[in-house]
Amino acid sequence: MTEQKRRPLPHDFHPPVASFTVVSDDVVSGQRLGPGQVQAEGNTSPHLRWEGAPEGTRSYAVTCFDPDAPTGSGFWHWTVFDIPASVTELPAGAGSSDSSALPAGAVQVRNDYGAKEFAGAAPPPGDGPHRYVFTVYAVGEETLGPDAEATPAVVGFNLRFKAIGRAHLIAEYEVPAEG
């Protein structure tokens, strides 16, 4: 993927907020995604742990977005919100369809495949590297507002106005051209 094809990140359009730190046992920022986070191989949401969120944080939201998807609007792989402020870590697999590894009260909405779960990387063959942006948002309210039937865009709209902090990891993945 050439540099000019790279699209902005979703939070590039949001107001500046405090930054904090997110790390993962499964994803290294700036590196290639491992097979666990690839749809055809593991299709498992990664472990995420964060610290240093700003004072006033009352809940968290977590998203995974591919801004380089050839859709004109990117591709939402995962969206979870209303994670209690006392929770600062999600285990690998928390984004399963049964939501059993998510903390009580957390809400997982449909990804762009239409399923309420994490969807691993699956860029088209030969489309070049795609970025997978895992973002943790610190929210200044206990509940974000949308319900479990909201779209990731509606969640993002609410985050634009209610996030008080943000941390992210960006990894890449590509599928070589066939033949």
C-alpha atoms as a PDB file:
ATOM      1  CA  MET A   1       0.000   0.000   0.000  1.00  0.00           C
ATOM      2  CA  THR A   2       1.484   3.311  -0.967  1.00  0.00           C
ATOM      3  CA  GLU A   3       1.676   6.112   1.542  1.00  0.00           C
ATOM      4  CA  GLN A   4      -0.908   8.205  -0.331  1.00  0.00           C
ATOM      5  CA  LYS A   5      -3.492   5.385   0.024  1.00  0.00           C
ATOM      6  CA  ARG A   6      -3.256   5.531   3.803  1.00  0.00           C
ATOM      7  CA  ARG A   7      -6.375   7.017   5.265  1.00  0.00           C
ATOM      8  CA  PRO A   8      -6.689   9.005   8.502  1.00  0.00           C
ATOM      9  CA  LEU A   9      -7.336   7.240  11.775  1.00  0.00           C
ATOM     10  CA  PRO A  10     -10.857   7.611  13.222  1.00  0.00           C
ATOM     11  CA  HIS A  11      -9.691   9.646  16.203  1.00  0.00           C
ATOM     12  CA  ASP A  12      -7.788  12.084  13.970  1.00  0.00           C
ATOM     13  CA  PHE A  13     -11.116  13.910  13.669  1.00  0.00           C
ATOM     14  CA  HIS A  14     -11.791  14.014  17.416  1.00  0.00           C
ATOM     15  CA  PRO A  15     -10.741  16.816  19.760  1.00  0.00           C
ATOM     16  CA  PRO A  16      -7.385  16.372  21.503  1.00  0.00           C
ATOM     17  CA  VAL A  17      -7.616  14.463  24.786  1.00  0.00           C
ATOM     18  CA  ALA A  18      -5.162  13.179  27.370  1.00  0.00           C
ATOM     19  CA  SER A  19      -3.029  10.250  26.315  1.00  0.00           C
ATOM     20  CA  PHE A  20      -2.215   7.153  28.320  1.00  0.00           C
ATOM     21  CA  THR A  21      -0.590   3.780  27.671  1.00  0.00           C
ATOM     22  CA  VAL A  22      -1.928   0.529  26.240  1.00  0.00           C
ATOM     23  CA  VAL A  23       0.177  -2.620  25.814  1.00  0.00           C
ATOM     24  CA  SER A  24      -0.554  -6.160  24.720  1.00  0.00           C
ATOM     25  CA  ASP A  25       0.900  -9.629  25.098  1.00  0.00           C
ATOM     26  CA  ASP A  26      -0.330 -10.315  21.536  1.00  0.00           C
ATOM     27  CA  VAL A  27       0.101  -7.123  19.497  1.00  0.00           C
ATOM     28  CA  VAL A  28       3.227  -4.987  19.182  1.00  0.00           C
ATOM     29  CA  SER A  29       2.721  -1.480  17.853  1.00  0.00           C
ATOM     30  CA  GLY A  30       4.452  -1.022  14.508  1.00  0.00           C
ATOM     31  CA  GLN A  31       4.801  -4.773  13.916  1.00  0.00           C
ATOM     32  CA  ARG A  32       2.887  -7.387  11.919  1.00  0.00           C
ATOM     33  CA  LEU A  33      -0.202  -8.900  13.543  1.00  0.00           C
ATOM     34  CA  GLY A  34       0.311 -12.449  14.725  1.00  0.00           C
ATOM     35  CA  PRO A  35      -1.806 -15.340  13.481  1.00  0.00           C
ATOM     36  CA  GLY A  36      -4.076 -15.115  16.529  1.00  0.00           C
ATOM     37  CA  GLN A  37      -5.556 -11.838  15.281  1.00  0.00           C
ATOM     38  CA  VAL A  38      -5.984 -13.001  11.664  1.00  0.00           C
ATOM     39  CA  GLN A  39      -9.442 -14.128  10.632  1.00  0.00           C
ATOM     40  CA  ALA A  40      -8.355 -17.265   8.745  1.00  0.00           C
ATOM     41  CA  GLU A  41      -5.985 -18.408  11.493  1.00  0.00           C
ATOM     42  CA  GLY A  42      -6.911 -17.466  15.078  1.00  0.00           C
ATOM     43  CA  ASN A  43      -9.630 -14.814  14.882  1.00  0.00           C
ATOM     44  CA  THR A  44      -9.081 -13.952  18.550  1.00  0.00           C
ATOM     45  CA  SER A  45      -9.199 -10.506  20.104  1.00  0.00           C
ATOM     46  CA  PRO A  46      -5.810  -9.692  21.625  1.00  0.00           C
ATOM     47  CA  HIS A  47      -4.914  -9.253  25.249  1.00  0.00           C
ATOM     48  CA  LEU A  48      -4.910  -5.519  26.102  1.00  0.00           C
ATOM     49  CA  ARG A  49      -3.743  -3.786  29.288  1.00  0.00           C
ATOM     50  CA  TRP A  50      -3.741  -0.035  29.943  1.00  0.00           C
ATOM     51  CA  GLU A  51      -2.560   2.400  32.572  1.00  0.00           C
ATOM     52  CA  GLY A  52      -2.320   6.101  33.253  1.00  0.00           C
ATOM     53  CA  ALA A  53      -5.845   7.058  32.223  1.00  0.00           C
ATOM     54  CA  PRO A  54      -6.781  10.606  33.188  1.00  0.00           C
ATOM     55  CA  GLU A  55      -8.463  11.506  36.446  1.00  0.00           C
ATOM     56  CA  GLY A  56     -12.209  11.468  35.992  1.00  0.00           C
ATOM     57  CA  THR A  57     -12.271   8.253  33.962  1.00  0.00           C
ATOM     58  CA  ARG A  58     -15.555   6.486  34.736  1.00  0.00           C
ATOM     59  CA  SER A  59     -15.520   3.810  32.008  1.00  0.00           C
ATOM     60  CA  TYR A  60     -13.585   2.622  28.952  1.00  0.00           C
ATOM     61  CA  ALA A  61     -14.285   1.697  25.354  1.00  0.00           C
ATOM     62  CA  VAL A  62     -12.113  -0.466  23.084  1.00  0.00           C
ATOM     63  CA  THR A  63     -12.164  -0.507  19.290  1.00  0.00           C
ATOM     64  CA  CYS A  64     -10.253  -2.108  16.444  1.00  0.00           C
ATOM     65  CA  PHE A  65     -10.435  -0.308  13.104  1.00  0.00           C
ATOM     66  CA  ASP A  66      -8.797  -0.810   9.694  1.00  0.00           C
ATOM     67  CA  PRO A  67      -8.639   2.626   8.043  1.00  0.00           C
ATOM     68  CA  ASP A  68      -7.025   1.113   4.925  1.00  0.00           C
ATOM     69  CA  ALA A  69      -9.897  -1.221   3.983  1.00  0.00           C
ATOM     70  CA  PRO A  70     -10.999  -0.613   0.390  1.00  0.00           C
ATOM     71  CA  THR A  71     -14.486   0.522   1.391  1.00  0.00           C
ATOM     72  CA  GLY A  72     -14.205   4.302   1.367  1.00  0.00           C
ATOM     73  CA  SER A  73     -15.078   4.275   5.070  1.00  0.00           C
ATOM     74  CA  GLY A  74     -12.637   1.812   6.634  1.00  0.00           C
ATOM     75  CA  PHE A  75     -13.695  -1.342   8.481  1.00  0.00           C
ATOM     76  CA  TRP A  76     -14.677  -1.813  12.126  1.00  0.00           C
ATOM     77  CA  HIS A  77     -13.345  -5.111  13.498  1.00  0.00           C
ATOM     78  CA  TRP A  78     -14.373  -4.683  17.126  1.00  0.00           C
ATOM     79  CA  THR A  79     -16.249  -2.228  19.347  1.00  0.00           C
ATOM     80  CA  VAL A  80     -16.842  -2.604  23.089  1.00  0.00           C
ATOM     81  CA  PHE A  81     -17.901   0.115  25.530  1.00  0.00           C
ATOM     82  CA  ASP A  82     -19.157   0.635  29.092  1.00  0.00           C
ATOM     83  CA  ILE A  83     -16.159  -1.252  30.454  1.00  0.00           C
ATOM     84  CA  PRO A  84     -16.078  -0.307  34.165  1.00  0.00           C
ATOM     85  CA  ALA A  85     -13.328   2.104  35.235  1.00  0.00           C
ATOM     86  CA  SER A  86     -11.996  -0.533  37.648  1.00  0.00           C
ATOM     87  CA  VAL A  87     -11.065  -2.763  34.683  1.00  0.00           C
ATOM     88  CA  THR A  88      -7.691  -2.037  33.074  1.00  0.00           C
ATOM     89  CA  GLU A  89      -7.108  -5.274  31.186  1.00  0.00           C
ATOM     90  CA  LEU A  90      -8.964  -7.538  28.770  1.00  0.00           C
ATOM     91  CA  PRO A  91      -7.751 -11.110  28.250  1.00  0.00           C
ATOM     92  CA  ALA A  92      -7.132 -12.572  24.807  1.00  0.00           C
ATOM     93  CA  GLY A  93     -10.447 -13.813  23.488  1.00  0.00           C
ATOM     94  CA  ALA A  94     -12.553 -11.237  25.351  1.00  0.00           C
ATOM     95  CA  GLY A  95     -14.171 -10.365  22.021  1.00  0.00           C
ATOM     96  CA  SER A  96     -15.757 -13.797  21.579  1.00  0.00           C
ATOM     97  CA  SER A  97     -19.354 -13.942  20.375  1.00  0.00           C
ATOM     98  CA  ASP A  98     -20.642 -15.037  23.786  1.00  0.00           C
ATOM     99  CA  SER A  99     -18.985 -12.012  25.489  1.00  0.00           C
ATOM    100  CA  SER A 100     -18.262 -14.240  28.514  1.00  0.00           C
ATOM    101  CA  ALA A 101     -14.742 -12.841  29.036  1.00  0.00           C
ATOM    102  CA  LEU A 102     -15.930  -9.221  29.019  1.00  0.00           C
ATOM    103  CA  PRO A 103     -16.536  -7.553  32.386  1.00  0.00           C
ATOM    104  CA  ALA A 104     -20.088  -7.225  33.668  1.00  0.00           C
ATOM    105  CA  GLY A 105     -21.810  -4.231  32.106  1.00  0.00           C
ATOM    106  CA  ALA A 106     -19.607  -4.072  29.001  1.00  0.00           C
ATOM    107  CA  VAL A 107     -21.476  -3.780  25.698  1.00  0.00           C
ATOM    108  CA  GLN A 108     -20.165  -5.343  22.482  1.00  0.00           C
ATOM    109  CA  VAL A 109     -21.765  -4.185  19.218  1.00  0.00           C
ATOM    110  CA  ARG A 110     -21.692  -5.595  15.709  1.00  0.00           C
ATOM    111  CA  ASN A 111     -18.512  -5.358  13.672  1.00  0.00           C
ATOM    112  CA  ASP A 112     -18.682  -4.560   9.965  1.00  0.00           C
ATOM    113  CA  TYR A 113     -19.232  -8.254   9.233  1.00  0.00           C
ATOM    114  CA  GLY A 114     -22.460  -7.954  11.216  1.00  0.00           C
ATOM    115  CA  ALA A 115     -21.430 -10.080  14.228  1.00  0.00           C
ATOM    116  CA  LYS A 116     -21.101  -9.008  17.861  1.00  0.00           C
ATOM    117  CA  GLU A 117     -17.528 -10.214  18.250  1.00  0.00           C
ATOM    118  CA  PHE A 118     -13.941  -9.469  17.294  1.00  0.00           C
ATOM    119  CA  ALA A 119     -13.230 -10.066  13.603  1.00  0.00           C
ATOM    120  CA  GLY A 120      -9.607 -10.764  12.736  1.00  0.00           C
ATOM    121  CA  ALA A 121      -7.604  -9.182   9.935  1.00  0.00           C
ATOM    122  CA  ALA A 122      -8.627 -10.239   6.434  1.00  0.00           C
ATOM    123  CA  PRO A 123      -7.384  -7.711   3.876  1.00  0.00           C
ATOM    124  CA  PRO A 124      -7.882  -8.534   0.194  1.00  0.00           C
ATOM    125  CA  PRO A 125      -4.943 -10.364  -1.415  1.00  0.00           C
ATOM    126  CA  GLY A 126      -2.510  -7.931  -3.034  1.00  0.00           C
ATOM    127  CA  ASP A 127      -4.018  -4.815  -1.418  1.00  0.00           C
ATOM    128  CA  GLY A 128      -0.830  -4.098   0.504  1.00  0.00           C
ATOM    129  CA  PRO A 129      -0.444  -3.693   4.260  1.00  0.00           C
ATOM    130  CA  HIS A 130      -3.463  -2.608   6.245  1.00  0.00           C
ATOM    131  CA  ARG A 131      -3.220  -0.946   9.652  1.00  0.00           C
ATOM    132  CA  TYR A 132      -5.210  -2.368  12.555  1.00  0.00           C
ATOM    133  CA  VAL A 133      -5.749   0.333  15.150  1.00  0.00           C
ATOM    134  CA  PHE A 134      -6.571  -0.957  18.634  1.00  0.00           C
ATOM    135  CA  THR A 135      -7.767   2.042  20.656  1.00  0.00           C
ATOM    136  CA  VAL A 136      -8.700   2.270  24.317  1.00  0.00           C
ATOM    137  CA  TYR A 137     -10.787   5.319  25.180  1.00  0.00           C
ATOM    138  CA  ALA A 138     -11.140   6.698  28.703  1.00  0.00           C
ATOM    139  CA  VAL A 139     -14.707   7.964  29.073  1.00  0.00           C
ATOM    140  CA  GLY A 140     -15.870  10.564  31.574  1.00  0.00           C
ATOM    141  CA  GLU A 141     -19.242   8.843  32.114  1.00  0.00           C
ATOM    142  CA  GLU A 142     -20.139   5.394  33.456  1.00  0.00           C
ATOM    143  CA  THR A 143     -22.244   4.639  30.401  1.00  0.00           C
ATOM    144  CA  LEU A 144     -21.557   5.924  26.920  1.00  0.00           C
ATOM    145  CA  GLY A 145     -25.211   6.101  25.864  1.00  0.00           C
ATOM    146  CA  PRO A 146     -25.768   3.727  22.925  1.00  0.00           C
ATOM    147  CA  ASP A 147     -27.212   0.260  23.382  1.00  0.00           C
ATOM    148  CA  ALA A 148     -26.095  -3.135  22.053  1.00  0.00           C
ATOM    149  CA  GLU A 149     -27.814  -2.489  18.696  1.00  0.00           C
ATOM    150  CA  ALA A 150     -25.772   0.640  17.927  1.00  0.00           C
ATOM    151  CA  THR A 151     -23.362   0.719  15.011  1.00  0.00           C
ATOM    152  CA  PRO A 152     -19.652   1.391  15.512  1.00  0.00           C
ATOM    153  CA  ALA A 153     -20.238   4.795  13.878  1.00  0.00           C
ATOM    154  CA  VAL A 154     -22.783   5.742  16.549  1.00  0.00           C
ATOM    155  CA  VAL A 155     -20.376   4.569  19.250  1.00  0.00           C
ATOM    156  CA  GLY A 156     -17.629   6.662  17.623  1.00  0.00           C
ATOM    157  CA  PHE A 157     -19.916   9.690  17.539  1.00  0.00           C
ATOM    158  CA  ASN A 158     -20.514   9.367  21.289  1.00  0.00           C
ATOM    159  CA  LEU A 159     -16.801   8.848  21.949  1.00  0.00           C
ATOM    160  CA  ARG A 160     -16.017  12.073  20.112  1.00  0.00           C
ATOM    161  CA  PHE A 161     -17.925  13.994  22.777  1.00  0.00           C
ATOM    162  CA  LYS A 162     -17.375  11.848  25.873  1.00  0.00           C
ATOM    163  CA  ALA A 163     -13.794  10.554  25.658  1.00  0.00           C
ATOM    164  CA  ILE A 164     -11.363  12.262  28.006  1.00  0.00           C
ATOM    165  CA  GLY A 165      -8.347  10.120  27.114  1.00  0.00           C
ATOM    166  CA  ARG A 166      -7.083   7.805  24.393  1.00  0.00           C
ATOM    167  CA  ALA A 167      -4.365   5.206  23.888  1.00  0.00           C
ATOM    168  CA  HIS A 168      -3.701   3.033  20.858  1.00  0.00           C
ATOM    169  CA  LEU A 169      -1.581   0.295  19.319  1.00  0.00           C
ATOM    170  CA  ILE A 170      -1.236   0.043  15.542  1.00  0.00           C
ATOM    171  CA  ALA A 171      -0.121  -3.180  13.870  1.00  0.00           C
ATOM    172  CA  GLU A 172      -0.149  -4.169  10.203  1.00  0.00           C
ATOM    173  CA  TYR A 173      -1.127  -7.190   8.191  1.00  0.00           C
ATOM    174  CA  GLU A 174      -1.253  -7.986   4.498  1.00  0.00           C
ATOM    175  CA  VAL A 175      -2.067 -10.921   2.273  1.00  0.00           C
ATOM    176  CA  PRO A 176       0.241 -11.300  -0.744  1.00  0.00           C
ATOM    177  CA  ALA A 177      -1.286 -11.208  -4.231  1.00  0.00           C
ATOM    178  CA  GLU A 178      -2.404 -14.605  -5.471  1.00  0.00           C
ATOM    179  CA  GLY A 179      -0.446 -16.293  -8.197  1.00  0.00           C
END
